[in-house]
Each structure stands twice: as structure tokens, then as C-alpha cells.
All heavy atoms as atom14 arrays in JSON, in Angstrom:
{
  "sequence": "GINLVLTGDCLGDSDTNPQATLMGPDGEYHATTTIRTPQT",
  "atom14_mask": [
    [1, 1, 1, 1, 0, 0, 0, 0, 0, 0, 0, 0, 0, 0],
    [1, 1, 1, 1, 1, 1, 1, 1, 0, 0, 0, 0, 0, 0],
    [1, 1, 1, 1, 1, 1, 1, 1, 0, 0, 0, 0, 0, 0],
    [1, 1, 1, 1, 1, 1, 1, 1, 0, 0, 0, 0, 0, 0],
    [1, 1, 1, 1, 1, 1, 1, 0, 0, 0, 0, 0, 0, 0],
    [1, 1, 1, 1, 1, 1, 1, 1, 0, 0, 0, 0, 0, 0],
    [1, 1, 1, 1, 1, 1, 1, 0, 0, 0, 0, 0, 0, 0],
    [1, 1, 1, 1, 0, 0, 0, 0, 0, 0, 0, 0, 0, 0],
    [1, 1, 1, 1, 1, 1, 1, 1, 0, 0, 0, 0, 0, 0],
    [1, 1, 1, 1, 1, 1, 0, 0, 0, 0, 0, 0, 0, 0],
    [1, 1, 1, 1, 1, 1, 1, 1, 0, 0, 0, 0, 0, 0],
    [1, 1, 1, 1, 0, 0, 0, 0, 0, 0, 0, 0, 0, 0],
    [1, 1, 1, 1, 1, 1, 1, 1, 0, 0, 0, 0, 0, 0],
    [1, 1, 1, 1, 1, 1, 0, 0, 0, 0, 0, 0, 0, 0],
    [1, 1, 1, 1, 1, 1, 1, 1, 0, 0, 0, 0, 0, 0],
    [1, 1, 1, 1, 1, 1, 1, 0, 0, 0, 0, 0, 0, 0],
    [1, 1, 1, 1, 1, 1, 1, 1, 0, 0, 0, 0, 0, 0],
    [1, 1, 1, 1, 1, 1, 1, 0, 0, 0, 0, 0, 0, 0],
    [1, 1, 1, 1, 1, 1, 1, 1, 1, 0, 0, 0, 0, 0],
    [1, 1, 1, 1, 1, 0, 0, 0, 0, 0, 0, 0, 0, 0],
    [1, 1, 1, 1, 1, 1, 1, 0, 0, 0, 0, 0, 0, 0],
    [1, 1, 1, 1, 1, 1, 1, 1, 0, 0, 0, 0, 0, 0],
    [1, 1, 1, 1, 1, 1, 1, 1, 0, 0, 0, 0, 0, 0],
    [1, 1, 1, 1, 0, 0, 0, 0, 0, 0, 0, 0, 0, 0],
    [1, 1, 1, 1, 1, 1, 1, 0, 0, 0, 0, 0, 0, 0],
    [1, 1, 1, 1, 1, 1, 1, 1, 0, 0, 0, 0, 0, 0],
    [1, 1, 1, 1, 0, 0, 0, 0, 0, 0, 0, 0, 0, 0],
    [1, 1, 1, 1, 1, 1, 1, 1, 1, 0, 0, 0, 0, 0],
    [1, 1, 1, 1, 1, 1, 1, 1, 1, 1, 1, 1, 0, 0],
    [1, 1, 1, 1, 1, 1, 1, 1, 1, 1, 0, 0, 0, 0],
    [1, 1, 1, 1, 1, 0, 0, 0, 0, 0, 0, 0, 0, 0],
    [1, 1, 1, 1, 1, 1, 1, 0, 0, 0, 0, 0, 0, 0],
    [1, 1, 1, 1, 1, 1, 1, 0, 0, 0, 0, 0, 0, 0],
    [1, 1, 1, 1, 1, 1, 1, 0, 0, 0, 0, 0, 0, 0],
    [1, 1, 1, 1, 1, 1, 1, 1, 0, 0, 0, 0, 0, 0],
    [1, 1, 1, 1, 1, 1, 1, 1, 1, 1, 1, 0, 0, 0],
    [1, 1, 1, 1, 1, 1, 1, 0, 0, 0, 0, 0, 0, 0],
    [1, 1, 1, 1, 1, 1, 1, 0, 0, 0, 0, 0, 0, 0],
    [1, 1, 1, 1, 1, 1, 1, 1, 1, 0, 0, 0, 0, 0],
    [1, 1, 1, 1, 1, 1, 1, 0, 0, 0, 0, 0, 0, 0]
  ],
  "atom14_positions": [
    [[-12.43, -16.72, -7.3], [-12.78, -15.36, -7.04], [-13.34, -14.66, -8.2], [-13.26, -15.16, -9.43], [0.0, 0.0, 0.0], [0.0, 0.0, 0.0], [0.0, 0.0, 0.0], [0.0, 0.0, 0.0], [0.0, 0.0, 0.0], [0.0, 0.0, 0.0], [0.0, 0.0, 0.0], [0.0, 0.0, 0.0], [0.0, 0.0, 0.0], [0.0, 0.0, 0.0]],
    [[-14.0, -13.51, -8.02], [-14.69, -12.76, -9.24], [-13.66, -11.58, -9.57], [-12.93, -11.1, -8.7], [-16.0, -12.34, -8.88], [-15.93, -11.24, -7.68], [-16.93, -13.5, -8.49], [-17.26, -10.47, -7.52], [0.0, 0.0, 0.0], [0.0, 0.0, 0.0], [0.0, 0.0, 0.0], [0.0, 0.0, 0.0], [0.0, 0.0, 0.0], [0.0, 0.0, 0.0]],
    [[-13.81, -11.25, -10.84], [-13.03, -10.23, -11.34], [-13.95, -9.6, -12.52], [-14.01, -10.04, -13.56], [-11.65, -10.58, -11.98], [-10.76, -9.43, -12.21], [-11.17, -8.57, -13.05], [-9.59, -9.31, -11.69], [0.0, 0.0, 0.0], [0.0, 0.0, 0.0], [0.0, 0.0, 0.0], [0.0, 0.0, 0.0], [0.0, 0.0, 0.0], [0.0, 0.0, 0.0]],
    [[-14.71, -8.55, -12.05], [-15.67, -8.07, -13.03], [-15.41, -6.65, -13.44], [-14.73, -5.83, -12.68], [-17.09, -7.98, -12.33], [-17.59, -9.13, -11.52], [-18.89, -8.87, -10.78], [-17.59, -10.42, -12.35], [0.0, 0.0, 0.0], [0.0, 0.0, 0.0], [0.0, 0.0, 0.0], [0.0, 0.0, 0.0], [0.0, 0.0, 0.0], [0.0, 0.0, 0.0]],
    [[-15.74, -6.28, -14.65], [-15.57, -4.92, -15.17], [-17.04, -4.27, -15.34], [-17.82, -4.82, -16.09], [-14.89, -4.89, -16.48], [-14.71, -3.52, -17.03], [-13.55, -5.54, -16.38], [0.0, 0.0, 0.0], [0.0, 0.0, 0.0], [0.0, 0.0, 0.0], [0.0, 0.0, 0.0], [0.0, 0.0, 0.0], [0.0, 0.0, 0.0], [0.0, 0.0, 0.0]],
    [[-17.29, -3.2, -14.66], [-18.38, -2.36, -14.81], [-18.2, -1.33, -15.77], [-17.17, -0.53, -15.7], [-18.79, -1.86, -13.42], [-19.07, -2.82, -12.23], [-19.66, -2.02, -11.09], [-19.95, -3.83, -12.63], [0.0, 0.0, 0.0], [0.0, 0.0, 0.0], [0.0, 0.0, 0.0], [0.0, 0.0, 0.0], [0.0, 0.0, 0.0], [0.0, 0.0, 0.0]],
    [[-18.98, -1.2, -16.67], [-18.94, -0.08, -17.74], [-20.1, 0.84, -17.64], [-21.21, 0.32, -17.41], [-18.82, -0.67, -19.19], [-17.73, -1.66, -19.19], [-18.69, 0.38, -20.19], [0.0, 0.0, 0.0], [0.0, 0.0, 0.0], [0.0, 0.0, 0.0], [0.0, 0.0, 0.0], [0.0, 0.0, 0.0], [0.0, 0.0, 0.0], [0.0, 0.0, 0.0]],
    [[-19.87, 2.14, -17.76], [-20.93, 3.07, -17.67], [-20.49, 4.56, -17.56], [-19.38, 4.88, -18.22], [0.0, 0.0, 0.0], [0.0, 0.0, 0.0], [0.0, 0.0, 0.0], [0.0, 0.0, 0.0], [0.0, 0.0, 0.0], [0.0, 0.0, 0.0], [0.0, 0.0, 0.0], [0.0, 0.0, 0.0], [0.0, 0.0, 0.0], [0.0, 0.0, 0.0]],
    [[-21.24, 5.36, -17.04], [-20.92, 6.77, -16.82], [-20.94, 7.22, -15.27], [-21.59, 6.54, -14.49], [-21.93, 7.76, -17.56], [-22.1, 7.3, -18.93], [-20.98, 7.28, -19.67], [-23.16, 7.02, -19.52], [0.0, 0.0, 0.0], [0.0, 0.0, 0.0], [0.0, 0.0, 0.0], [0.0, 0.0, 0.0], [0.0, 0.0, 0.0], [0.0, 0.0, 0.0]],
    [[-20.0, 8.1, -14.96], [-19.98, 8.66, -13.6], [-19.68, 7.58, -12.66], [-20.38, 7.54, -11.47], [-21.19, 9.4, -13.31], [-21.23, 10.98, -14.32], [0.0, 0.0, 0.0], [0.0, 0.0, 0.0], [0.0, 0.0, 0.0], [0.0, 0.0, 0.0], [0.0, 0.0, 0.0], [0.0, 0.0, 0.0], [0.0, 0.0, 0.0], [0.0, 0.0, 0.0]],
    [[-18.85, 6.6, -12.94], [-18.65, 5.46, -11.99], [-17.46, 5.87, -11.03], [-17.33, 5.02, -10.05], [-18.2, 4.2, -12.84], [-19.25, 3.8, -13.9], [-18.73, 2.38, -14.57], [-20.58, 3.63, -13.36], [0.0, 0.0, 0.0], [0.0, 0.0, 0.0], [0.0, 0.0, 0.0], [0.0, 0.0, 0.0], [0.0, 0.0, 0.0], [0.0, 0.0, 0.0]],
    [[-16.96, 6.96, -11.14], [-15.96, 7.39, -10.12], [-14.47, 7.27, -10.63], [-14.23, 6.77, -11.74], [0.0, 0.0, 0.0], [0.0, 0.0, 0.0], [0.0, 0.0, 0.0], [0.0, 0.0, 0.0], [0.0, 0.0, 0.0], [0.0, 0.0, 0.0], [0.0, 0.0, 0.0], [0.0, 0.0, 0.0], [0.0, 0.0, 0.0], [0.0, 0.0, 0.0]],
    [[-13.64, 7.83, -9.9], [-12.26, 7.81, -10.18], [-11.39, 7.67, -8.77], [-12.02, 7.52, -7.81], [-11.79, 8.98, -10.93], [-12.12, 10.3, -10.23], [-12.23, 10.32, -8.99], [-12.27, 11.36, -10.96], [0.0, 0.0, 0.0], [0.0, 0.0, 0.0], [0.0, 0.0, 0.0], [0.0, 0.0, 0.0], [0.0, 0.0, 0.0], [0.0, 0.0, 0.0]],
    [[-10.09, 7.84, -8.99], [-9.26, 7.58, -7.77], [-9.53, 8.59, -6.66], [-9.33, 8.39, -5.49], [-7.84, 7.62, -8.11], [-7.46, 8.91, -8.71], [0.0, 0.0, 0.0], [0.0, 0.0, 0.0], [0.0, 0.0, 0.0], [0.0, 0.0, 0.0], [0.0, 0.0, 0.0], [0.0, 0.0, 0.0], [0.0, 0.0, 0.0], [0.0, 0.0, 0.0]],
    [[-10.2, 9.76, -7.02], [-10.52, 10.81, -5.96], [-11.77, 10.47, -5.25], [-11.94, 10.78, -4.01], [-10.64, 12.14, -6.66], [-9.28, 12.58, -7.19], [-8.22, 12.51, -6.52], [-9.32, 13.07, -8.36], [0.0, 0.0, 0.0], [0.0, 0.0, 0.0], [0.0, 0.0, 0.0], [0.0, 0.0, 0.0], [0.0, 0.0, 0.0], [0.0, 0.0, 0.0]],
    [[-12.7, 9.78, -5.89], [-14.0, 9.5, -5.23], [-14.05, 8.2, -4.63], [-15.02, 7.9, -3.82], [-15.17, 9.65, -6.26], [-14.94, 8.69, -7.42], [-15.13, 11.04, -6.96], [0.0, 0.0, 0.0], [0.0, 0.0, 0.0], [0.0, 0.0, 0.0], [0.0, 0.0, 0.0], [0.0, 0.0, 0.0], [0.0, 0.0, 0.0], [0.0, 0.0, 0.0]],
    [[-13.13, 7.35, -4.99], [-13.15, 5.92, -4.38], [-14.44, 5.34, -4.36], [-15.08, 5.14, -3.23], [-12.52, 6.06, -2.89], [-12.26, 4.64, -2.27], [-12.03, 3.76, -2.96], [-12.37, 4.65, -0.98], [0.0, 0.0, 0.0], [0.0, 0.0, 0.0], [0.0, 0.0, 0.0], [0.0, 0.0, 0.0], [0.0, 0.0, 0.0], [0.0, 0.0, 0.0]],
    [[-15.01, 4.88, -5.43], [-16.41, 4.29, -5.5], [-16.45, 2.97, -4.7], [-15.37, 2.33, -4.55], [-16.64, 4.13, -6.97], [-15.3, 3.99, -7.57], [-14.44, 4.99, -6.82], [0.0, 0.0, 0.0], [0.0, 0.0, 0.0], [0.0, 0.0, 0.0], [0.0, 0.0, 0.0], [0.0, 0.0, 0.0], [0.0, 0.0, 0.0], [0.0, 0.0, 0.0]],
    [[-17.58, 2.65, -4.09], [-17.69, 1.51, -3.28], [-18.71, 0.53, -4.0], [-19.72, 0.91, -4.55], [-18.34, 1.89, -1.87], [-17.5, 2.87, -1.06], [-16.19, 2.35, -0.74], [-16.02, 1.24, -0.24], [-15.15, 3.06, -1.1], [0.0, 0.0, 0.0], [0.0, 0.0, 0.0], [0.0, 0.0, 0.0], [0.0, 0.0, 0.0], [0.0, 0.0, 0.0]],
    [[-18.32, -0.76, -3.86], [-19.23, -1.82, -4.49], [-19.77, -2.78, -3.56], [-18.97, -3.24, -2.67], [-18.52, -2.56, -5.64], [0.0, 0.0, 0.0], [0.0, 0.0, 0.0], [0.0, 0.0, 0.0], [0.0, 0.0, 0.0], [0.0, 0.0, 0.0], [0.0, 0.0, 0.0], [0.0, 0.0, 0.0], [0.0, 0.0, 0.0], [0.0, 0.0, 0.0]],
    [[-20.88, -3.21, -3.65], [-21.56, -4.11, -2.71], [-22.26, -5.25, -3.6], [-22.9, -4.97, -4.58], [-22.59, -3.54, -1.8], [-21.98, -2.48, -1.08], [-23.17, -4.47, -0.79], [0.0, 0.0, 0.0], [0.0, 0.0, 0.0], [0.0, 0.0, 0.0], [0.0, 0.0, 0.0], [0.0, 0.0, 0.0], [0.0, 0.0, 0.0], [0.0, 0.0, 0.0]],
    [[-22.04, -6.5, -3.26], [-22.61, -7.68, -3.8], [-23.73, -8.19, -2.82], [-23.37, -8.55, -1.73], [-21.6, -8.78, -4.17], [-20.34, -8.27, -4.91], [-19.4, -9.41, -5.12], [-20.77, -7.77, -6.34], [0.0, 0.0, 0.0], [0.0, 0.0, 0.0], [0.0, 0.0, 0.0], [0.0, 0.0, 0.0], [0.0, 0.0, 0.0], [0.0, 0.0, 0.0]],
    [[-24.87, -8.22, -3.28], [-26.03, -8.64, -2.39], [-26.54, -9.98, -2.89], [-27.15, -9.98, -3.96], [-27.04, -7.45, -2.49], [-26.64, -6.21, -1.82], [-27.76, -4.78, -2.19], [-27.54, -4.52, -3.9], [0.0, 0.0, 0.0], [0.0, 0.0, 0.0], [0.0, 0.0, 0.0], [0.0, 0.0, 0.0], [0.0, 0.0, 0.0], [0.0, 0.0, 0.0]],
    [[-26.34, -10.99, -1.99], [-26.67, -12.34, -2.37], [-27.65, -12.89, -1.43], [-28.01, -12.36, -0.46], [0.0, 0.0, 0.0], [0.0, 0.0, 0.0], [0.0, 0.0, 0.0], [0.0, 0.0, 0.0], [0.0, 0.0, 0.0], [0.0, 0.0, 0.0], [0.0, 0.0, 0.0], [0.0, 0.0, 0.0], [0.0, 0.0, 0.0], [0.0, 0.0, 0.0]],
    [[-27.83, -14.23, -1.62], [-28.77, -14.97, -0.69], [-28.3, -15.09, 0.8], [-29.07, -15.31, 1.67], [-28.87, -16.27, -1.34], [-27.53, -16.56, -2.09], [-27.23, -15.09, -2.66], [0.0, 0.0, 0.0], [0.0, 0.0, 0.0], [0.0, 0.0, 0.0], [0.0, 0.0, 0.0], [0.0, 0.0, 0.0], [0.0, 0.0, 0.0], [0.0, 0.0, 0.0]],
    [[-27.04, -15.02, 0.98], [-26.45, -15.13, 2.27], [-25.99, -13.8, 2.93], [-25.42, -13.71, 4.01], [-25.24, -15.99, 2.39], [-25.56, -17.44, 1.92], [-26.75, -17.81, 2.1], [-24.74, -18.16, 1.34], [0.0, 0.0, 0.0], [0.0, 0.0, 0.0], [0.0, 0.0, 0.0], [0.0, 0.0, 0.0], [0.0, 0.0, 0.0], [0.0, 0.0, 0.0]],
    [[-26.38, -12.71, 2.28], [-26.0, -11.37, 2.89], [-25.25, -10.53, 1.88], [-25.22, -10.77, 0.58], [0.0, 0.0, 0.0], [0.0, 0.0, 0.0], [0.0, 0.0, 0.0], [0.0, 0.0, 0.0], [0.0, 0.0, 0.0], [0.0, 0.0, 0.0], [0.0, 0.0, 0.0], [0.0, 0.0, 0.0], [0.0, 0.0, 0.0], [0.0, 0.0, 0.0]],
    [[-24.55, -9.47, 2.44], [-23.93, -8.57, 1.49], [-22.37, -8.77, 1.63], [-21.83, -9.16, 2.71], [-24.16, -7.16, 1.91], [-25.57, -6.71, 1.76], [-25.84, -5.33, 2.1], [-24.93, -4.62, 2.59], [-26.94, -4.76, 1.79], [0.0, 0.0, 0.0], [0.0, 0.0, 0.0], [0.0, 0.0, 0.0], [0.0, 0.0, 0.0], [0.0, 0.0, 0.0]],
    [[-21.66, -8.58, 0.43], [-20.17, -8.66, 0.41], [-19.66, -7.43, -0.22], [-20.2, -7.03, -1.18], [-19.78, -9.98, -0.38], [-20.35, -11.26, 0.15], [-21.64, -11.73, -0.11], [-19.55, -12.08, 0.87], [-22.09, -12.92, 0.35], [-19.99, -13.31, 1.35], [-21.3, -13.69, 1.04], [-21.7, -14.87, 1.64], [0.0, 0.0, 0.0], [0.0, 0.0, 0.0]],
    [[-18.73, -6.99, 0.36], [-18.1, -5.61, -0.14], [-16.88, -6.09, -1.03], [-15.95, -6.65, -0.59], [-17.68, -4.76, 0.96], [-18.81, -4.29, 1.84], [-19.84, -3.4, 1.35], [-19.3, -4.68, 3.08], [-20.71, -3.2, 2.25], [-20.39, -3.91, 3.29], [0.0, 0.0, 0.0], [0.0, 0.0, 0.0], [0.0, 0.0, 0.0], [0.0, 0.0, 0.0]],
    [[-16.95, -5.57, -2.28], [-15.96, -5.87, -3.19], [-14.86, -4.79, -3.27], [-15.16, -3.7, -2.91], [-16.57, -6.08, -4.65], [0.0, 0.0, 0.0], [0.0, 0.0, 0.0], [0.0, 0.0, 0.0], [0.0, 0.0, 0.0], [0.0, 0.0, 0.0], [0.0, 0.0, 0.0], [0.0, 0.0, 0.0], [0.0, 0.0, 0.0], [0.0, 0.0, 0.0]],
    [[-13.67, -5.22, -3.65], [-12.59, -4.17, -3.84], [-12.76, -3.53, -5.28], [-12.98, -4.26, -6.26], [-11.27, -4.9, -3.8], [-11.11, -5.4, -2.47], [-10.09, -3.85, -4.0], [0.0, 0.0, 0.0], [0.0, 0.0, 0.0], [0.0, 0.0, 0.0], [0.0, 0.0, 0.0], [0.0, 0.0, 0.0], [0.0, 0.0, 0.0], [0.0, 0.0, 0.0]],
    [[-12.7, -2.23, -5.29], [-12.84, -1.54, -6.68], [-11.49, -0.98, -7.05], [-10.71, -0.37, -6.31], [-13.91, -0.49, -6.46], [-13.49, 0.51, -5.56], [-15.12, -0.94, -6.14], [0.0, 0.0, 0.0], [0.0, 0.0, 0.0], [0.0, 0.0, 0.0], [0.0, 0.0, 0.0], [0.0, 0.0, 0.0], [0.0, 0.0, 0.0], [0.0, 0.0, 0.0]],
    [[-11.23, -0.91, -8.34], [-10.07, -0.49, -8.99], [-10.53, 0.29, -10.27], [-11.25, -0.29, -10.99], [-9.06, -1.55, -9.39], [-8.71, -2.29, -8.22], [-7.76, -0.92, -9.99], [0.0, 0.0, 0.0], [0.0, 0.0, 0.0], [0.0, 0.0, 0.0], [0.0, 0.0, 0.0], [0.0, 0.0, 0.0], [0.0, 0.0, 0.0], [0.0, 0.0, 0.0]],
    [[-10.1, 1.52, -10.33], [-10.38, 2.32, -11.55], [-9.51, 1.84, -12.68], [-8.34, 2.01, -12.65], [-10.22, 3.8, -11.26], [-11.09, 4.24, -9.99], [-10.61, 4.55, -12.51], [-12.58, 4.05, -10.19], [0.0, 0.0, 0.0], [0.0, 0.0, 0.0], [0.0, 0.0, 0.0], [0.0, 0.0, 0.0], [0.0, 0.0, 0.0], [0.0, 0.0, 0.0]],
    [[-10.23, 1.43, -13.84], [-9.46, 1.07, -14.95], [-9.46, 2.25, -15.88], [-8.39, 2.67, -16.4], [-10.16, -0.11, -15.71], [-9.46, -0.44, -17.0], [-10.23, -1.59, -17.8], [-9.8, -2.83, -17.15], [-10.28, -3.97, -17.68], [-11.1, -3.97, -18.74], [-9.88, -5.14, -17.2], [0.0, 0.0, 0.0], [0.0, 0.0, 0.0], [0.0, 0.0, 0.0]],
    [[-10.56, 2.84, -16.16], [-10.79, 4.11, -16.87], [-11.59, 5.04, -16.06], [-12.71, 4.64, -15.73], [-11.39, 3.87, -18.27], [-10.61, 2.91, -18.95], [-11.33, 5.18, -19.06], [0.0, 0.0, 0.0], [0.0, 0.0, 0.0], [0.0, 0.0, 0.0], [0.0, 0.0, 0.0], [0.0, 0.0, 0.0], [0.0, 0.0, 0.0], [0.0, 0.0, 0.0]],
    [[-11.07, 6.22, -15.71], [-11.81, 7.08, -14.82], [-13.19, 7.31, -15.4], [-13.4, 7.5, -16.52], [-11.03, 8.38, -14.72], [-9.59, 7.93, -15.04], [-9.73, 6.83, -15.94], [0.0, 0.0, 0.0], [0.0, 0.0, 0.0], [0.0, 0.0, 0.0], [0.0, 0.0, 0.0], [0.0, 0.0, 0.0], [0.0, 0.0, 0.0], [0.0, 0.0, 0.0]],
    [[-14.23, 7.08, -14.49], [-15.63, 7.4, -14.67], [-16.29, 6.3, -15.55], [-17.53, 6.27, -15.47], [-15.83, 8.77, -15.3], [-15.18, 9.95, -14.41], [-15.75, 9.97, -13.08], [-16.92, 9.61, -12.78], [-15.0, 10.62, -12.16], [0.0, 0.0, 0.0], [0.0, 0.0, 0.0], [0.0, 0.0, 0.0], [0.0, 0.0, 0.0], [0.0, 0.0, 0.0]],
    [[-15.6, 5.64, -16.37], [-16.25, 4.78, -17.37], [-16.02, 3.26, -17.15], [-16.84, 2.42, -17.62], [-15.96, 5.11, -18.82], [-14.51, 4.92, -19.01], [-16.36, 6.52, -19.03], [0.0, 0.0, 0.0], [0.0, 0.0, 0.0], [0.0, 0.0, 0.0], [0.0, 0.0, 0.0], [0.0, 0.0, 0.0], [0.0, 0.0, 0.0], [0.0, 0.0, 0.0]]
  ]
}
């Protein structure tokens, strides 16, 4: 399984519940998101 960390700005927090999608050769996969540091 994958366990990735996205770093950036305005990535969301527990209130906004950001959604992540992985788009590959066989279609789309929806990943589970967990806030490590709000927004970043």
C-alpha cells in the first residue's frame, strides 16, 4: 500500500476534509486523507 505525504499550502484541515484522487492507467482510485499539519 501507499503512504504519501503531500506538502504545500491551503491543503485543508479537519474541517474541510480534503479529498485525494489517484488517476492511473486503469482508472481513478480515491485515497484516504489524514491531516498531519493543518493546511501544509
